[in-house]
Protein backbone atom coordinates (compact mmCIF):
# COMPACT_ATOMS: atom_id res chain seq x y z
CA UNK A 1 84.63 97.83 122.83
CA UNK A 2 81.96 100.62 122.30
CA UNK A 3 82.70 103.16 119.28
CA UNK A 4 80.45 105.88 118.64
CA UNK A 5 82.51 108.04 116.37
CA UNK A 6 84.62 107.43 113.44
CA UNK A 7 87.54 108.81 115.15
CA UNK A 8 87.13 106.45 117.65
CA UNK A 9 86.85 103.51 115.41
CA UNK A 10 90.37 104.72 113.76
CA UNK A 11 91.72 104.67 116.75
CA UNK A 12 90.56 101.32 117.96
CA UNK A 13 91.53 99.57 114.59
CA UNK A 14 94.85 101.60 114.46
CA UNK A 15 95.33 100.25 117.96
CA UNK A 16 94.86 96.71 117.10
CA UNK A 17 97.13 97.05 114.14
CA UNK A 18 99.81 97.86 116.47
CA UNK A 19 99.23 95.12 119.12
CA UNK A 20 99.88 92.62 116.30
CA UNK A 21 102.95 94.65 115.69
CA UNK A 22 101.89 95.58 111.81
CA UNK A 23 103.15 98.63 109.67
CA UNK A 24 100.53 100.40 107.90
CA UNK A 25 102.77 99.30 104.64
CA UNK A 26 102.41 95.48 105.88
CA UNK A 27 98.44 95.82 106.65
CA UNK A 28 97.71 97.41 102.92
CA UNK A 29 99.54 94.70 101.54
CA UNK A 30 97.62 91.80 102.97
CA UNK A 31 94.47 93.11 100.76
CA UNK A 32 96.05 94.73 97.82
CA UNK A 33 95.80 98.59 99.25
CA UNK A 34 98.08 101.25 99.51
CA UNK A 35 99.87 101.89 102.79
CA UNK A 36 98.51 105.73 102.36
CA UNK A 37 94.79 104.26 102.49
CA UNK A 38 95.60 102.64 106.10
CA UNK A 39 96.97 106.29 107.13
CA UNK A 40 94.27 108.23 105.68
CA UNK A 41 91.93 105.78 107.64
CA UNK A 42 93.70 106.33 110.91
CA UNK A 43 94.14 110.19 110.55
CA UNK A 44 90.67 110.99 108.46
CA UNK A 45 88.41 108.18 109.05
CA UNK A 46 85.38 110.52 107.93
CA UNK A 47 86.27 110.35 104.29
CA UNK A 48 86.96 106.65 104.05
CA UNK A 49 84.99 104.13 101.94
CA UNK A 50 82.86 101.40 103.39
CA UNK A 51 84.67 98.86 101.23
CA UNK A 52 88.13 100.16 102.71
CA UNK A 53 87.24 100.14 106.32
CA UNK A 54 85.98 96.49 105.70
CA UNK A 55 89.50 95.35 103.84
CA UNK A 56 91.45 97.09 106.96
CA UNK A 57 89.41 95.27 109.62
CA UNK A 58 90.06 91.72 107.32
CA UNK A 59 93.25 92.33 107.35
CA UNK A 60 93.73 92.63 111.18
CA UNK A 61 91.22 89.91 111.25
CA UNK A 62 88.12 92.15 112.82
CA UNK A 63 85.00 92.31 112.38
CA UNK A 64 82.28 94.60 113.04
CA UNK A 65 79.04 93.96 114.94
CA UNK A 66 76.08 96.31 114.88
CA UNK A 67 73.98 96.32 118.32
CA UNK A 68 71.08 98.79 119.55
CA UNK A 69 72.33 101.78 121.91
CA UNK A 70 72.33 100.62 125.60
CA UNK A 71 71.89 96.98 124.56
CA UNK A 72 74.04 94.82 126.84
CA UNK A 73 74.91 92.33 124.37
CA UNK A 74 77.39 89.55 124.72
CA UNK A 75 79.96 89.71 121.94
CA UNK A 76 81.14 86.43 122.17
CA UNK A 77 78.02 84.72 122.28
CA UNK A 78 75.55 84.68 119.64
CA UNK A 79 74.42 82.32 117.09
CA UNK A 80 75.83 78.92 117.12
CA UNK A 81 74.25 77.32 114.34
CA UNK A 82 74.27 78.61 111.04
CA UNK A 83 71.54 78.79 108.68
């Protein structure tokens, strides 16, 4: 999924949470943060700390990949060996 703003990222993460049928409270509990922190990210993502974002992503078993704009990167591919 292509995300180009904080709001789009928050919407994508919220959609993934809902697809997993998790509440904000359940998501927060998995990584030791408050429900209000998850709510804050979903409604005002610009004010969210990066550390908090990565905790929420971890709770939902999501990862963030950074690629150059306009590139056609196969997100499912990538490295097959660890260094």
